[in-house]
Amino acid sequence: MNETAGRDETPEERADRNFADILQELRVVLTGTQLISGFLLAVAFQSGFRDLDADEVVHYLVLVAVAGLATLLGMTPVVVHRLHFAKRMKPDVVQLGNRFLIATLVVVSALVVGVTSFIFEVVVARTAGVWAGAATAAVVVLLWLLAWAARRRAPDRDD
């Protein structure tokens, strides 16, 4: 058994497993992103959409753009895999896939903050939207810091 990796697998098997993990995580994130995107797209076709003021329309359009960016970022590891398929570059694909997954998570986090803010802004008031967005952003930052702290305490492995 390879003690540094913690598993009895070849580097190729480890790269395959790690890429499968990335794809599974992307499936979860992209499902949520698609639901949010669908909600956003449906909003424009509601009768009340015409009641939004100019700032709310801009807020909405920014959210649609961010949702599109999140979707594209989430699809990129699959594109990278296709472009490098059968070229024996799986460790590079895993590294790039991981970076794009993290970027996707950052953008989806921003999307969740923005959508929360938008809903409170439209349903309650602009001030409520600002507070709801700030509170959601604080929770996002706290969760990311907790995840980072947990990683720092974990033993360093080449996994």
Protein backbone atom coordinates (compact mmCIF):
# COMPACT_ATOMS: atom_id res chain seq x y z
CA MET A 1 0.00 0.00 0.00
CA ASN A 2 1.25 3.48 -0.81
CA GLU A 3 1.32 5.21 2.59
CA THR A 4 1.55 8.74 1.19
CA ALA A 5 -1.66 8.39 -0.77
CA GLY A 6 -3.54 6.41 1.88
CA ARG A 7 -4.93 4.05 -0.76
CA ASP A 8 -3.66 1.11 -2.72
CA GLU A 9 -4.01 2.65 -6.17
CA THR A 10 -1.83 3.75 -9.04
CA PRO A 11 -1.45 7.45 -9.88
CA GLU A 12 -3.77 6.88 -12.86
CA GLU A 13 -6.41 5.28 -10.64
CA ARG A 14 -6.11 8.15 -8.17
CA ALA A 15 -6.53 10.69 -10.98
CA ASP A 16 -9.60 8.81 -12.26
CA ARG A 17 -11.11 8.71 -8.76
CA ASN A 18 -10.39 12.38 -8.13
CA PHE A 19 -11.92 13.40 -11.45
CA ALA A 20 -15.00 11.29 -10.71
CA ASP A 21 -15.28 13.13 -7.37
CA ILE A 22 -15.06 16.49 -9.15
CA LEU A 23 -17.76 15.46 -11.61
CA GLN A 24 -20.05 14.30 -8.80
CA GLU A 25 -19.59 17.58 -6.94
CA LEU A 26 -20.30 19.49 -10.14
CA ARG A 27 -23.51 17.50 -10.64
CA VAL A 28 -24.73 18.66 -7.25
CA VAL A 29 -23.71 22.29 -7.78
CA LEU A 30 -25.02 22.51 -11.33
CA THR A 31 -28.40 21.09 -10.34
CA GLY A 32 -28.83 23.92 -7.84
CA THR A 33 -27.50 26.45 -10.32
CA GLN A 34 -29.95 25.27 -12.97
CA LEU A 35 -32.84 25.61 -10.52
CA ILE A 36 -31.81 29.16 -9.66
CA SER A 37 -31.31 29.97 -13.35
CA GLY A 38 -34.76 28.61 -14.16
CA PHE A 39 -36.29 30.73 -11.42
CA LEU A 40 -34.52 33.80 -12.77
CA LEU A 41 -35.56 33.17 -16.35
CA ALA A 42 -39.19 32.65 -15.30
CA VAL A 43 -39.25 35.97 -13.44
CA ALA A 44 -38.97 37.99 -16.65
CA PHE A 45 -42.18 36.44 -17.96
CA GLN A 46 -44.28 37.24 -14.89
CA SER A 47 -46.76 40.09 -15.09
CA GLY A 48 -45.21 41.81 -12.07
CA PHE A 49 -41.83 42.07 -13.82
CA ARG A 50 -42.98 45.31 -15.43
CA ASP A 51 -43.40 46.78 -11.95
CA LEU A 52 -39.67 46.55 -11.20
CA ASP A 53 -37.83 49.85 -11.16
CA ALA A 54 -34.66 50.40 -13.20
CA ASP A 55 -32.31 49.39 -10.35
CA GLU A 56 -34.22 46.16 -9.76
CA VAL A 57 -34.08 45.32 -13.47
CA VAL A 58 -30.32 45.89 -13.47
CA HIS A 59 -30.01 43.71 -10.34
CA TYR A 60 -32.04 41.02 -12.09
CA LEU A 61 -29.97 41.15 -15.29
CA VAL A 62 -26.72 40.94 -13.32
CA LEU A 63 -28.08 37.83 -11.60
CA VAL A 64 -28.98 36.26 -14.95
CA ALA A 65 -25.44 36.95 -16.18
CA VAL A 66 -23.90 35.50 -13.00
CA ALA A 67 -26.10 32.40 -13.32
CA GLY A 68 -24.91 31.98 -16.90
CA LEU A 69 -21.29 32.36 -15.80
CA ALA A 70 -21.77 29.79 -13.03
CA THR A 71 -23.24 27.32 -15.51
CA LEU A 72 -20.40 27.84 -17.99
CA LEU A 73 -17.74 27.50 -15.30
CA GLY A 74 -19.37 24.30 -14.08
CA MET A 75 -19.33 22.84 -17.58
CA THR A 76 -15.67 23.71 -18.20
CA PRO A 77 -14.12 20.66 -16.46
CA VAL A 78 -16.05 18.45 -18.87
CA VAL A 79 -14.77 20.52 -21.79
CA VAL A 80 -11.21 20.22 -20.45
CA HIS A 81 -11.65 16.46 -20.13
CA ARG A 82 -12.93 16.18 -23.70
CA LEU A 83 -10.04 18.24 -25.07
CA HIS A 84 -7.46 16.15 -23.19
CA PHE A 85 -9.19 12.79 -23.57
CA ALA A 86 -6.83 9.86 -24.28
CA LYS A 87 -3.73 12.07 -24.04
CA ARG A 88 -2.60 10.67 -20.66
CA MET A 89 -3.02 14.04 -19.00
CA LYS A 90 -5.56 13.08 -16.33
CA PRO A 91 -3.57 14.64 -13.42
CA ASP A 92 -3.57 17.95 -15.32
CA VAL A 93 -7.28 17.55 -16.05
CA VAL A 94 -7.94 16.92 -12.35
CA GLN A 95 -5.96 20.01 -11.36
CA LEU A 96 -7.78 22.22 -13.86
CA GLY A 97 -11.12 20.62 -12.97
CA ASN A 98 -10.54 21.37 -9.31
CA ARG A 99 -9.74 25.01 -10.06
CA PHE A 100 -12.85 25.42 -12.18
CA LEU A 101 -14.94 23.70 -9.50
CA ILE A 102 -13.68 26.15 -6.88
CA ALA A 103 -14.37 29.07 -9.25
CA THR A 104 -17.86 27.68 -9.82
CA LEU A 105 -18.47 27.49 -6.08
CA VAL A 106 -17.35 31.09 -5.62
CA VAL A 107 -19.64 32.30 -8.40
CA VAL A 108 -22.58 30.21 -7.16
CA SER A 109 -22.03 31.63 -3.67
CA ALA A 110 -22.21 35.14 -5.13
CA LEU A 111 -25.33 34.11 -7.05
CA VAL A 112 -27.04 32.89 -3.87
CA VAL A 113 -26.19 36.17 -2.13
CA GLY A 114 -27.53 38.14 -5.08
CA VAL A 115 -30.74 36.13 -5.43
CA THR A 116 -31.45 36.41 -1.70
CA SER A 117 -30.88 40.14 -1.86
CA PHE A 118 -33.06 40.48 -4.97
CA ILE A 119 -35.98 38.57 -3.48
CA PHE A 120 -35.94 40.63 -0.28
CA GLU A 121 -35.56 43.82 -2.31
CA VAL A 122 -38.60 43.06 -4.48
CA VAL A 123 -40.83 41.50 -1.83
CA VAL A 124 -40.03 43.74 1.16
CA ALA A 125 -37.90 46.79 0.34
CA ARG A 126 -34.49 47.76 -1.00
CA THR A 127 -33.09 48.14 2.53
CA ALA A 128 -34.27 44.63 3.41
CA GLY A 129 -32.53 43.39 0.27
CA VAL A 130 -29.27 44.98 1.32
CA TRP A 131 -29.50 43.48 4.80
CA ALA A 132 -30.51 40.05 3.52
CA GLY A 133 -27.65 40.09 1.01
CA ALA A 134 -25.17 41.16 3.68
CA ALA A 135 -26.38 38.47 6.09
CA THR A 136 -26.18 35.80 3.40
CA ALA A 137 -22.71 36.98 2.37
CA ALA A 138 -21.61 36.78 6.01
CA VAL A 139 -22.88 33.20 6.25
CA VAL A 140 -21.09 32.30 3.00
CA VAL A 141 -17.82 33.77 4.24
CA LEU A 142 -18.20 32.01 7.60
CA LEU A 143 -18.85 28.64 5.94
CA TRP A 144 -15.90 29.06 3.56
CA LEU A 145 -13.64 30.01 6.48
CA LEU A 146 -14.81 26.99 8.48
CA ALA A 147 -14.15 24.73 5.50
CA TRP A 148 -10.71 26.28 5.05
CA ALA A 149 -9.91 25.89 8.77
CA ALA A 150 -11.00 22.24 8.71
CA ARG A 151 -8.74 21.63 5.72
CA ARG A 152 -5.79 23.26 7.47
CA ARG A 153 -6.22 20.89 10.43
CA ALA A 154 -6.44 17.79 8.24
CA PRO A 155 -3.25 15.87 7.50
CA ASP A 156 -1.69 16.85 4.19
CA ARG A 157 -2.08 14.05 1.64
CA ASP A 158 -1.52 13.70 -2.05
CA ASP A 159 -5.12 12.68 -2.69
